[in-house]
Structure formats: structure tokens, C-alpha cells
């Protein structure tokens, strides 16, 4: 009975994963298609009305089409982002890719103005600028989604790596070895203080008796057969650390790069890297926190300037009730709430990227 329940749950999980993958792929293509149509349409109107004279009826019709394209683009980028998330959830570059696309759309108020030339009458430019502002607005929505996704992805990655290290990756040496029941998992300990060092080998291991670590000497119980042979033969190793070091079976046939690669694929070294990751994550949090607190006034001032600059640019692309361009009015410093929220989002993005960098260095580069 229990066997049938387990099989049923596995099948349910497979079915759900298949459906999610199918929906993600469809959303990716549909959202991508709508996004391309929206961007192409808005760029078309931006170029068309950046110069030349058009009748009021044509301007009104274009305004209506731009409003439709704006809604299409916002919906398209969000559906596209959801499809990308479902399709490439575990990819480390997913949030960054969406954020780069968001920045490209968000900064349309700068690069589109340079491309279009802005040489027409105020009525024509009002239509062109509305199309440009629609691109920037879609980038704002996508950027907010990308930052939220960054935080969620970083949390999931930290949780997985703290528990499993790189067990999800290929571990060649020691794969399938169980943790010792009476181990002392010493934080940042030596190889023989970690749970995968087998007790029957440790008692006859020259690395243990010399109080060294296998990844420093490039010799270990998971990769060097001489260590295992000595343990199985009951080879006596001196208790003195200096004398025991002379019994370390260094492999002179392999180049240093090959022996270093053995360490990277060893389950014991992976446990050591997991400890290193647990140490580095709080360090990153503290470093970002100190940076935020120590330079808070300067960062807040810079955030305010960026918001004012963006607001001034957006005001150029904002319409009054009569269809004319609105006056350039900056939002001013206000009470600092908007600047604080903007700064917090940027810091969360930086924190997420730093955590991914630490993960890459610790579990991919094996630094």
C-alpha cells in the first residue's frame, strides 16, 4: 500500500512538472511575441511622429493605438517573464537577463530621443514621446518583477546550498558515501573533522595523525588508493604529527592540476566548501549592511538625483488634457520615502548578485 502511495506521489510530481514546463514554454513564446509586437509598434510610432505634419484625426488615432500597444507591451513582458521563470527557474542568469531587458526598456527615454531626432511640431512630438514613455513604463514593470525574482531566487539558492552544498552537482569521489553516525561536524574543520571521513580509514590515515588536511596535501581517502590500502592492511601510523607526515603517500605520477580537480570532485571537500559558504553568506549580508548604513546619506542623495532626472525626462513625455506637452516639473526631494524604496530595491539587487557571485566562486570555481 505504501509503495503505491509513493509511486502515485512521484507520478503526480512528474505530471505537475510536465504541465508547468508546457505552460512556461507557451507563455515564453506568446509573451515574447506580444513583447516584440508591442516594442516594434511603439518604436514605429516614435519614429513616424518625431518629424513631419499630421492631421488631428491621425494624431488621435495614433494615440489610441499607442495606448493599446502600451497595455500589450506591459502584459507581454510580464507573461514573457513568467514563461522565462517557469522554463529557466534554476538558471543563475535568469533574473539578471530579465533585469537587463528591463533596463533597456526603462532607458528608452534617453536612447530613443537620440535616435528619433525630435524635430517635429509639439503635437507630433507628443505622440512620439507617448510611444517612448510606454517603452519606459513597461521596463519599470519588468524591472520590479526582476528584482523580486532576484530576491526569491537568492533565498532559494542560499537555502539549498547551506543544506546540500554541491551534492546536486557531479561528485565523483565519495559519491554515495553516508555520513558517519558518530562524527563531529566541526565548523570549518579539517577533513577528518567532517562527517564523510570514515572512521576505519581515519585511524590509519597519515593525514589525520599529522593533523593536516587532505585538500592541502592533495592526498585523501576518497581519491588515493594507497590511503585505503594502508587502512585495510592495518598499517601502523606514528601518533607523532611530524613522524606521521612522512607516511603521507604523495602521488608523483599525476600533475598538480589533476590532483586539484580530484579535490573539487570530492564529497569531503564539498562539505568543506559548504562550511565556507555558510561563513561567506553572513559576511556578505554584514558588508552590504555596513555599506548601506555607512554611506546612507550619500546613497540616498544619489537615489534622489536619479529619480529627479528620470522624472524630468518622463515629464517631457507626459500629456496634458489638451494633448500638449506638460511642463518639466521635477518631484523634488519630498520626504525621502520614494528615494528610500528605490535605494532599498537597488541594494537588494546588489545583495542578490553578490550572493550568486559567492555561490559561483565556492561551488563552481571551488575557491
Protein backbone atom coordinates (compact mmCIF):
# COMPACT_ATOMS: atom_id res chain seq x y z
CA UNK A 1 0.00 0.00 0.00
CA UNK A 2 2.78 2.42 0.94
CA UNK A 3 4.58 1.54 -2.29
CA UNK A 4 1.51 2.57 -4.36
CA UNK A 5 1.27 5.86 -2.45
CA UNK A 6 4.93 6.67 -3.16
CA UNK A 7 4.55 5.86 -6.84
CA UNK A 8 1.40 7.96 -7.03
CA UNK A 9 3.12 10.98 -5.46
CA UNK A 10 6.06 10.65 -7.85
CA UNK A 11 3.72 10.46 -10.83
CA UNK A 12 1.81 13.48 -9.54
CA UNK A 13 5.06 15.40 -9.24
CA UNK A 14 6.13 14.40 -12.74
CA UNK A 15 2.73 15.38 -14.14
CA UNK A 16 2.83 18.77 -12.41
CA UNK A 17 6.37 19.41 -13.64
CA UNK A 18 5.39 18.48 -17.19
CA UNK A 19 2.38 20.79 -17.14
CA UNK A 20 4.43 23.64 -15.67
CA UNK A 21 7.12 23.18 -18.31
CA UNK A 22 4.48 23.14 -21.09
CA UNK A 23 2.78 26.26 -19.75
CA UNK A 24 6.13 28.00 -19.28
CA UNK A 25 7.17 27.32 -22.86
CA UNK A 26 3.83 28.54 -24.23
CA UNK A 27 3.95 31.66 -22.06
CA UNK A 28 7.53 32.28 -23.19
CA UNK A 29 6.59 32.23 -26.87
CA UNK A 30 3.26 34.05 -26.51
CA UNK A 31 4.69 36.70 -24.18
CA UNK A 32 7.78 37.08 -26.35
CA UNK A 33 5.63 37.51 -29.46
CA UNK A 34 3.41 40.13 -27.82
CA UNK A 35 6.50 41.92 -26.48
CA UNK A 36 8.11 42.07 -29.92
CA UNK A 37 4.89 43.36 -31.49
CA UNK A 38 4.47 45.97 -28.73
CA UNK A 39 8.06 47.20 -28.96
CA UNK A 40 8.02 47.27 -32.77
CA UNK A 41 4.71 49.15 -32.83
CA UNK A 42 5.79 51.76 -30.29
CA UNK A 43 9.14 52.33 -31.99
CA UNK A 44 7.29 52.70 -35.30
CA UNK A 45 5.06 55.44 -33.88
CA UNK A 46 8.01 57.11 -32.15
CA UNK A 47 9.87 57.42 -35.46
CA UNK A 48 6.79 58.24 -37.53
CA UNK A 49 5.67 61.20 -35.42
CA UNK A 50 9.11 62.53 -34.49
CA UNK A 51 9.00 64.71 -37.62
CA UNK A 52 6.51 65.83 -40.25
CA UNK A 53 2.99 67.21 -40.00
CA UNK A 54 -0.11 65.09 -39.39
CA UNK A 55 -3.79 65.92 -39.11
CA UNK A 56 -5.56 65.98 -35.75
CA UNK A 57 -7.55 62.87 -36.70
CA UNK A 58 -4.33 60.97 -37.43
CA UNK A 59 -2.83 62.07 -34.12
CA UNK A 60 -5.95 60.96 -32.23
CA UNK A 61 -5.93 57.56 -33.96
CA UNK A 62 -2.23 57.11 -33.21
CA UNK A 63 -2.82 57.97 -29.55
CA UNK A 64 -5.45 55.24 -29.33
CA UNK A 65 -3.17 52.68 -30.96
CA UNK A 66 -0.30 53.64 -28.65
CA UNK A 67 -2.50 53.10 -25.58
CA UNK A 68 -3.39 49.63 -26.86
CA UNK A 69 0.27 48.85 -27.63
CA UNK A 70 1.30 50.07 -24.18
CA UNK A 71 -1.10 47.66 -22.48
CA UNK A 72 0.00 44.88 -24.85
CA UNK A 73 3.66 45.50 -24.07
CA UNK A 74 3.18 45.55 -20.30
CA UNK A 75 1.15 42.34 -20.45
CA UNK A 76 3.62 40.82 -22.90
CA UNK A 77 6.74 41.46 -20.84
CA UNK A 78 5.10 40.09 -17.69
CA UNK A 79 3.86 36.94 -19.48
CA UNK A 80 7.29 36.59 -21.07
CA UNK A 81 8.93 36.96 -17.64
CA UNK A 82 6.64 34.31 -16.15
CA UNK A 83 7.44 31.98 -19.04
CA UNK A 84 11.17 32.55 -18.59
CA UNK A 85 10.79 31.89 -14.87
CA UNK A 86 8.94 28.60 -15.40
CA UNK A 87 11.29 27.48 -18.17
CA UNK A 88 14.66 28.52 -16.71
CA UNK A 89 14.00 28.74 -12.97
CA UNK A 90 17.26 27.18 -11.82
CA UNK A 91 19.41 29.16 -14.25
CA UNK A 92 21.65 31.59 -12.38
CA UNK A 93 21.42 34.14 -15.21
CA UNK A 94 17.59 34.28 -15.33
CA UNK A 95 16.91 37.29 -13.04
CA UNK A 96 19.87 39.21 -14.44
CA UNK A 97 18.70 38.63 -18.02
CA UNK A 98 15.24 39.98 -17.21
CA UNK A 99 16.76 42.93 -15.37
CA UNK A 100 18.98 43.83 -18.35
CA UNK A 101 15.95 43.74 -20.64
CA UNK A 102 14.07 45.92 -18.15
CA UNK A 103 16.90 48.47 -18.08
CA UNK A 104 16.96 48.56 -21.90
CA UNK A 105 13.24 49.40 -21.97
CA UNK A 106 13.39 51.69 -18.95
CA UNK A 107 16.09 53.89 -20.51
CA UNK A 108 14.15 54.33 -23.75
CA UNK A 109 13.51 57.96 -22.74
CA UNK A 110 17.23 58.55 -23.34
CA UNK A 111 18.28 56.40 -26.30
CA UNK A 112 15.04 56.73 -28.30
CA UNK A 113 15.17 60.53 -28.13
CA UNK A 114 18.68 60.42 -29.62
CA UNK A 115 17.57 58.07 -32.41
CA UNK A 116 14.39 59.87 -33.40
CA UNK A 117 15.92 63.32 -33.55
CA UNK A 118 12.82 65.05 -32.08
CA UNK A 119 12.47 67.58 -34.95
CA UNK A 120 8.67 67.75 -35.43
CA UNK A 121 5.99 70.05 -34.08
CA UNK A 122 4.82 69.83 -30.46
CA UNK A 123 1.65 67.92 -31.45
CA UNK A 124 3.63 65.34 -33.41
CA UNK A 125 6.27 65.03 -30.71
CA UNK A 126 3.56 64.47 -28.13
CA UNK A 127 2.53 61.29 -29.94
CA UNK A 128 6.14 60.17 -30.47
CA UNK A 129 7.00 60.83 -26.85
CA UNK A 130 3.97 58.91 -25.63
CA UNK A 131 5.24 55.87 -27.52
CA UNK A 132 8.69 56.29 -25.97
CA UNK A 133 7.24 56.71 -22.46
CA UNK A 134 5.25 53.47 -22.96
CA UNK A 135 8.51 51.58 -23.54
CA UNK A 136 9.96 53.03 -20.34
CA UNK A 137 6.82 52.18 -18.36
CA UNK A 138 6.97 48.55 -19.46
CA UNK A 139 10.62 48.46 -18.38
CA UNK A 140 9.59 49.72 -14.95
CA UNK A 141 7.11 46.85 -14.50
CA UNK A 142 9.61 44.28 -15.74
CA UNK A 143 12.35 45.72 -13.52
CA UNK A 144 10.15 45.40 -10.43
CA UNK A 145 9.42 41.76 -11.34
CA UNK A 146 13.13 41.08 -11.95
CA UNK A 147 14.17 42.49 -8.56
CA UNK A 148 11.50 40.46 -6.73
CA UNK A 149 12.63 37.37 -8.64
CA UNK A 150 16.24 38.14 -7.70
CA UNK A 151 15.38 38.11 -4.01
CA UNK A 152 13.32 34.89 -4.24
CA UNK A 153 15.98 33.16 -6.31
CA UNK A 154 18.77 34.22 -3.95
CA UNK A 155 16.82 32.94 -0.93
CA UNK A 156 16.16 29.57 -2.61
CA UNK A 157 19.80 29.21 -3.66
CA UNK A 158 21.16 30.08 -0.22
CA UNK A 159 18.77 27.62 1.44
CA UNK A 160 19.72 24.82 -0.97
CA UNK A 161 23.46 25.40 -0.78
CA UNK A 162 23.51 25.66 3.02
CA UNK A 163 21.79 22.28 3.29
CA UNK A 164 23.20 20.35 0.33
CA UNK A 165 26.33 22.18 -0.81
CA UNK A 166 27.11 20.94 -4.30
CA UNK A 167 25.57 17.50 -3.88
CA UNK A 168 23.26 18.36 -6.72
CA UNK A 169 26.35 18.67 -8.92
CA UNK A 170 28.60 15.85 -10.02
CA UNK A 171 30.61 14.40 -7.11
CA UNK A 172 32.95 11.72 -8.41
CA UNK A 173 34.94 10.79 -5.32
CA UNK A 174 32.90 9.54 -2.39
CA UNK A 175 29.59 9.56 -4.21
CA UNK A 176 27.06 7.54 -2.21
CA UNK A 177 29.16 7.57 0.99
CA UNK A 178 26.94 8.04 4.05
CA UNK A 179 27.68 10.34 6.94
CA UNK A 180 29.34 8.69 9.92
CA UNK A 181 26.92 8.16 12.81
CA UNK A 182 29.33 9.39 15.49
CA UNK A 183 31.00 12.22 13.57
CA UNK A 184 31.92 15.64 14.91
CA UNK A 185 30.95 18.11 12.22
CA UNK A 186 33.35 20.85 13.25
CA UNK A 187 32.61 24.13 11.51
CA UNK A 188 35.47 24.93 9.09
CA UNK A 189 37.20 21.85 10.44
CA UNK A 190 39.84 19.68 8.82
CA UNK A 191 38.90 16.75 6.60
CA UNK A 192 38.94 14.25 9.48
CA UNK A 193 36.59 16.51 11.48
CA UNK A 194 33.88 16.31 8.80
CA UNK A 195 31.08 13.71 8.60
CA UNK A 196 32.25 11.82 5.49
CA UNK A 197 35.68 10.84 6.78
CA UNK A 198 35.26 7.14 7.55
CA UNK A 199 36.39 6.05 10.97
CA UNK A 200 38.12 2.81 9.93
CA UNK A 201 40.30 4.76 7.50
CA UNK A 202 40.92 7.68 9.82
CA UNK A 203 42.65 5.54 12.45
CA UNK A 204 45.34 4.54 9.91
CA UNK A 205 45.38 7.78 7.91
CA UNK A 206 48.66 9.74 7.96
CA UNK A 207 46.73 12.96 7.20
CA UNK A 208 44.77 12.54 10.44
CA UNK A 209 47.77 11.72 12.60
CA UNK A 210 49.82 14.57 11.12
CA UNK A 211 46.88 16.93 11.82
CA UNK A 212 46.83 18.18 8.23
CA UNK A 213 44.09 18.33 5.60
CA UNK A 214 43.77 16.18 2.50
CA UNK A 215 42.97 19.11 0.19
CA UNK A 216 46.19 20.84 1.22
CA UNK A 217 48.33 17.77 0.62
CA UNK A 218 46.31 16.63 -2.44
CA UNK A 219 46.08 13.16 -0.88
CA UNK A 220 42.91 11.73 0.62
CA UNK A 221 40.92 8.65 1.50
CA UNK A 222 38.43 9.27 -1.34
CA UNK A 223 40.94 9.60 -4.15
CA UNK A 224 44.26 7.94 -3.26
CA UNK A 225 44.18 4.15 -3.16
CA UNK A 226 47.37 3.99 -1.08
CA UNK A 227 45.49 5.52 1.88
CA UNK A 228 42.70 2.92 1.61
CA UNK A 229 45.20 0.07 1.17
CA UNK A 230 47.08 1.16 4.28
CA UNK A 231 43.87 1.23 6.32
CA UNK A 232 42.74 -2.21 5.12
CA UNK A 233 46.15 -3.70 5.79
CA UNK A 234 46.19 -2.17 9.27
CA UNK A 235 49.32 -0.16 8.61
CA UNK A 236 50.62 1.42 11.79
CA UNK A 237 51.00 5.21 11.60
CA UNK A 238 53.00 7.04 14.30
CA UNK A 239 50.94 9.25 16.61
CA UNK A 240 53.52 12.00 16.40
CA UNK A 241 52.46 14.62 13.85
CA UNK A 242 55.95 15.11 12.40
CA UNK A 243 56.62 11.39 12.08
CA UNK A 244 53.15 10.71 10.63
CA UNK A 245 53.70 13.30 7.89
CA UNK A 246 56.48 11.13 6.45
CA UNK A 247 53.93 8.38 5.75
CA UNK A 248 51.72 10.55 3.51
CA UNK A 249 51.62 8.74 0.14
CA UNK A 250 52.16 11.62 -2.29
CA UNK A 251 51.25 10.75 -5.87
CA UNK A 252 54.10 11.89 -8.11
CA UNK A 253 52.58 10.47 -11.30
CA UNK A 254 49.74 13.00 -11.50
CA UNK A 255 50.20 16.72 -12.28
CA UNK A 256 49.07 19.25 -9.64
CA UNK A 257 46.11 20.37 -11.79
CA UNK A 258 44.77 16.81 -11.93
CA UNK A 259 45.10 16.36 -8.18
CA UNK A 260 43.37 19.70 -7.59
CA UNK A 261 40.50 18.55 -9.80
CA UNK A 262 40.15 15.42 -7.66
CA UNK A 263 39.62 17.63 -4.63
CA UNK A 264 36.94 19.65 -6.44
CA UNK A 265 35.02 16.45 -7.11
CA UNK A 266 35.38 15.01 -3.60
CA UNK A 267 32.46 14.75 -1.19
CA UNK A 268 34.66 15.69 1.79
CA UNK A 269 35.95 18.82 0.09
CA UNK A 270 32.37 19.66 -0.88
CA UNK A 271 31.44 19.55 2.82
CA UNK A 272 34.33 21.91 3.49
CA UNK A 273 33.04 24.25 0.76
CA UNK A 274 29.58 24.13 2.30
CA UNK A 275 31.04 25.37 5.58
CA UNK A 276 32.90 28.08 3.69
CA UNK A 277 29.65 29.14 2.04
CA UNK A 278 27.89 29.29 5.42
CA UNK A 279 30.66 31.60 6.58
CA UNK A 280 30.62 33.84 3.50
CA UNK A 281 26.85 34.43 3.33
CA UNK A 282 26.66 36.31 6.68
CA UNK A 283 29.82 38.20 5.70
CA UNK A 284 28.11 39.41 2.51
CA UNK A 285 25.00 40.46 4.45
CA UNK A 286 27.08 42.35 7.00
CA UNK A 287 29.23 44.00 4.31
CA UNK A 288 26.18 45.19 2.34
CA UNK A 289 24.51 46.33 5.56
CA UNK A 290 27.56 48.32 6.65
CA UNK A 291 27.86 49.84 3.19
CA UNK A 292 24.18 50.82 3.28
CA UNK A 293 24.36 52.31 6.78
CA UNK A 294 27.78 53.92 6.45
CA UNK A 295 27.04 55.67 3.14
CA UNK A 296 23.29 56.04 3.62
CA UNK A 297 23.22 59.82 3.22
CA UNK A 298 25.31 59.79 0.05
CA UNK A 299 23.40 56.85 -1.44
CA UNK A 300 20.06 58.47 -0.63
CA UNK A 301 21.18 61.71 -2.26
CA UNK A 302 22.30 59.83 -5.39
CA UNK A 303 18.97 57.98 -5.49
CA UNK A 304 17.12 61.30 -5.27
CA UNK A 305 19.13 62.71 -8.18
CA UNK A 306 18.41 59.66 -10.32
CA UNK A 307 14.68 59.84 -9.55
CA UNK A 308 14.60 63.56 -10.30
CA UNK A 309 16.44 63.02 -13.57
CA UNK A 310 14.05 60.28 -14.58
CA UNK A 311 11.03 62.33 -13.51
CA UNK A 312 12.23 65.30 -15.56
CA UNK A 313 12.68 63.06 -18.59
CA UNK A 314 9.28 61.45 -18.13
CA UNK A 315 7.60 64.86 -17.80
CA UNK A 316 8.79 65.62 -21.31
CA UNK A 317 6.76 62.61 -22.44
CA UNK A 318 3.63 63.33 -20.37
CA UNK A 319 0.45 64.75 -21.84
CA UNK A 320 -1.81 67.47 -20.61
CA UNK A 321 -5.57 67.14 -21.05
CA UNK A 322 -5.42 69.11 -24.33
CA UNK A 323 -2.75 66.87 -25.82
CA UNK A 324 0.14 69.31 -25.37
CA UNK A 325 3.40 68.51 -23.66
CA UNK A 326 3.34 69.08 -19.93
CA UNK A 327 5.84 71.40 -18.30
CA UNK A 328 9.07 69.95 -16.91
CA UNK A 329 8.44 69.60 -13.20
CA UNK A 330 10.76 67.54 -11.01
CA UNK A 331 9.34 65.78 -8.00
CA UNK A 332 11.89 67.30 -5.61
CA UNK A 333 13.30 65.53 -2.57
CA UNK A 334 9.89 65.20 -0.83
CA UNK A 335 10.01 63.24 2.41
CA UNK A 336 12.54 60.73 1.07
CA UNK A 337 10.20 57.71 1.08
CA UNK A 338 10.38 57.15 -2.68
CA UNK A 339 14.16 57.57 -2.65
CA UNK A 340 14.45 55.12 0.26
CA UNK A 341 12.33 52.50 -1.53
CA UNK A 342 14.35 52.95 -4.71
CA UNK A 343 17.64 52.64 -2.80
CA UNK A 344 16.41 49.56 -0.93
CA UNK A 345 15.49 47.85 -4.22
CA UNK A 346 18.90 48.61 -5.67
CA UNK A 347 20.64 47.28 -2.56
CA UNK A 348 18.57 44.08 -2.69
CA UNK A 349 19.60 43.63 -6.31
CA UNK A 350 23.27 44.14 -5.40
CA UNK A 351 22.96 41.75 -2.45
CA UNK A 352 21.41 39.06 -4.67
CA UNK A 353 24.18 39.41 -7.24
CA UNK A 354 26.88 39.20 -4.56
CA UNK A 355 25.32 36.05 -3.11
CA UNK A 356 25.33 34.50 -6.58
CA UNK A 357 28.95 35.51 -7.01
CA UNK A 358 29.85 33.82 -3.72
CA UNK A 359 27.95 30.69 -4.77
CA UNK A 360 29.76 30.64 -8.12
CA UNK A 361 33.18 31.08 -6.51
CA UNK A 362 32.61 28.50 -3.78
CA UNK A 363 30.74 25.75 -5.64
CA UNK A 364 31.80 26.25 -9.26
CA UNK A 365 35.33 27.62 -9.12
CA UNK A 366 35.91 25.82 -5.78
CA UNK A 367 37.91 28.75 -4.40
